C-alpha atoms as a PDB file:
ATOM      1  CA  UNK A   1       0.000   0.000   0.000  1.00  0.00           C
ATOM      2  CA  UNK A   2       2.978   2.348   0.376  1.00  0.00           C
ATOM      3  CA  UNK A   3       3.318   2.436  -3.420  1.00  0.00           C
ATOM      4  CA  UNK A   4      -0.360   3.291  -3.875  1.00  0.00           C
ATOM      5  CA  UNK A   5      -0.093   6.080  -1.317  1.00  0.00           C
ATOM      6  CA  UNK A   6       2.997   7.409  -3.073  1.00  0.00           C
ATOM      7  CA  UNK A   7       1.264   7.417  -6.476  1.00  0.00           C
ATOM      8  CA  UNK A   8      -1.802   9.131  -5.015  1.00  0.00           C
ATOM      9  CA  UNK A   9       0.373  11.800  -3.443  1.00  0.00           C
ATOM     10  CA  UNK A  10       2.281  12.309  -6.694  1.00  0.00           C
ATOM     11  CA  UNK A  11      -0.993  12.464  -8.673  1.00  0.00           C
ATOM     12  CA  UNK A  12      -2.213  15.229  -6.377  1.00  0.00           C
ATOM     13  CA  UNK A  13       0.945  17.221  -7.158  1.00  0.00           C
ATOM     14  CA  UNK A  14       1.518  16.605 -10.888  1.00  0.00           C
ATOM     15  CA  UNK A  15      -1.889  15.318 -11.977  1.00  0.00           C
ATOM     16  CA  UNK A  16      -3.072  11.734 -12.593  1.00  0.00           C
ATOM     17  CA  UNK A  17      -1.968  11.583 -16.245  1.00  0.00           C
ATOM     18  CA  UNK A  18       1.654  12.452 -15.440  1.00  0.00           C
ATOM     19  CA  UNK A  19       1.803  10.305 -12.300  1.00  0.00           C
ATOM     20  CA  UNK A  20       0.760   7.201 -14.229  1.00  0.00           C
ATOM     21  CA  UNK A  21       2.577   7.815 -17.524  1.00  0.00           C
ATOM     22  CA  UNK A  22       4.623   4.947 -18.911  1.00  0.00           C
ATOM     23  CA  UNK A  23       7.129   7.087 -20.837  1.00  0.00           C
ATOM     24  CA  UNK A  24       9.065  10.269 -20.230  1.00  0.00           C
ATOM     25  CA  UNK A  25       9.435  12.967 -22.903  1.00  0.00           C
ATOM     26  CA  UNK A  26      13.246  12.693 -22.943  1.00  0.00           C
ATOM     27  CA  UNK A  27      15.962  10.035 -23.245  1.00  0.00           C
ATOM     28  CA  UNK A  28      16.776   9.020 -19.660  1.00  0.00           C
ATOM     29  CA  UNK A  29      19.889   7.050 -20.622  1.00  0.00           C
ATOM     30  CA  UNK A  30      21.323  10.026 -22.501  1.00  0.00           C
ATOM     31  CA  UNK A  31      20.536  12.331 -19.573  1.00  0.00           C
ATOM     32  CA  UNK A  32      22.313  10.060 -17.085  1.00  0.00           C
ATOM     33  CA  UNK A  33      25.282   9.455 -19.407  1.00  0.00           C
ATOM     34  CA  UNK A  34      25.690  13.200 -20.022  1.00  0.00           C
ATOM     35  CA  UNK A  35      25.592  13.966 -16.289  1.00  0.00           C
ATOM     36  CA  UNK A  36      27.654  11.087 -14.825  1.00  0.00           C
ATOM     37  CA  UNK A  37      30.365  13.427 -13.547  1.00  0.00           C
ATOM     38  CA  UNK A  38      27.851  15.555 -11.668  1.00  0.00           C
ATOM     39  CA  UNK A  39      25.754  12.645 -10.383  1.00  0.00           C
ATOM     40  CA  UNK A  40      28.706  10.716  -8.990  1.00  0.00           C
ATOM     41  CA  UNK A  41      31.169  13.519  -8.157  1.00  0.00           C
ATOM     42  CA  UNK A  42      31.145  12.820  -4.412  1.00  0.00           C
ATOM     43  CA  UNK A  43      31.569   9.047  -4.836  1.00  0.00           C
ATOM     44  CA  UNK A  44      35.323   8.791  -5.293  1.00  0.00           C
ATOM     45  CA  UNK A  45      35.494   5.013  -4.783  1.00  0.00           C
ATOM     46  CA  UNK A  46      33.278   4.270  -7.797  1.00  0.00           C
ATOM     47  CA  UNK A  47      35.508   3.091 -10.634  1.00  0.00           C
ATOM     48  CA  UNK A  48      33.021   2.231 -13.375  1.00  0.00           C
ATOM     49  CA  UNK A  49      29.497   3.476 -14.133  1.00  0.00           C
ATOM     50  CA  UNK A  50      27.258   1.600 -16.555  1.00  0.00           C
ATOM     51  CA  UNK A  51      23.666   2.502 -17.400  1.00  0.00           C
ATOM     52  CA  UNK A  52      21.548  -0.607 -17.992  1.00  0.00           C
ATOM     53  CA  UNK A  53      17.955  -0.561 -19.164  1.00  0.00           C
ATOM     54  CA  UNK A  54      15.584  -2.797 -17.213  1.00  0.00           C
ATOM     55  CA  UNK A  55      14.605  -4.267 -20.583  1.00  0.00           C
ATOM     56  CA  UNK A  56      18.167  -5.626 -21.001  1.00  0.00           C
ATOM     57  CA  UNK A  57      17.278  -8.999 -19.479  1.00  0.00           C
ATOM     58  CA  UNK A  58      20.517 -10.724 -20.515  1.00  0.00           C
ATOM     59  CA  UNK A  59      22.680  -8.247 -18.587  1.00  0.00           C
ATOM     60  CA  UNK A  60      20.339  -8.070 -15.608  1.00  0.00           C
ATOM     61  CA  UNK A  61      20.076 -11.850 -15.318  1.00  0.00           C
ATOM     62  CA  UNK A  62      23.885 -12.019 -15.307  1.00  0.00           C
ATOM     63  CA  UNK A  63      24.101  -9.933 -12.114  1.00  0.00           C
ATOM     64  CA  UNK A  64      23.040 -11.631  -8.898  1.00  0.00           C
ATOM     65  CA  UNK A  65      20.053  -9.873  -7.317  1.00  0.00           C
ATOM     66  CA  UNK A  66      19.735  -7.320 -10.128  1.00  0.00           C
ATOM     67  CA  UNK A  67      16.370  -8.573 -11.423  1.00  0.00           C
ATOM     68  CA  UNK A  68      14.561  -7.697  -8.198  1.00  0.00           C
ATOM     69  CA  UNK A  69      16.154  -4.245  -8.101  1.00  0.00           C
ATOM     70  CA  UNK A  70      15.629  -3.522 -11.815  1.00  0.00           C
ATOM     71  CA  UNK A  71      11.946  -4.424 -11.609  1.00  0.00           C
ATOM     72  CA  UNK A  72      11.333  -1.418  -9.360  1.00  0.00           C
ATOM     73  CA  UNK A  73      12.729   1.090 -11.894  1.00  0.00           C
ATOM     74  CA  UNK A  74      10.046   3.105 -13.652  1.00  0.00           C
ATOM     75  CA  UNK A  75      10.072   5.938 -16.197  1.00  0.00           C
ATOM     76  CA  UNK A  76      11.446   9.033 -14.512  1.00  0.00           C
ATOM     77  CA  UNK A  77      12.572   7.063 -11.467  1.00  0.00           C
ATOM     78  CA  UNK A  78      15.792   5.187 -12.263  1.00  0.00           C
ATOM     79  CA  UNK A  79      17.334   2.827  -9.719  1.00  0.00           C
ATOM     80  CA  UNK A  80      21.021   2.710  -8.797  1.00  0.00           C
ATOM     81  CA  UNK A  81      22.746  -0.613  -8.157  1.00  0.00           C
ATOM     82  CA  UNK A  82      26.205  -0.786  -6.647  1.00  0.00           C
ATOM     83  CA  UNK A  83      28.278  -3.947  -7.018  1.00  0.00           C
END
């Protein structure tokens, strides 16, 4: 029910159409790739950053525990995995 409450709260702020949309009007991968330095500037121990789409099942299935994490990523709300 926490998810439903979150979506209801978001719908009250941005409207129901935007809260439930399945696509964003921009390329999320490109946005993250272009801003890697800014996004990870305070994380000096991170050596390699790779953006993986949750539709890339072959890569996700090759990483232990990644499927459960990737399934919670939604448009506009990417998930970070550290391994």
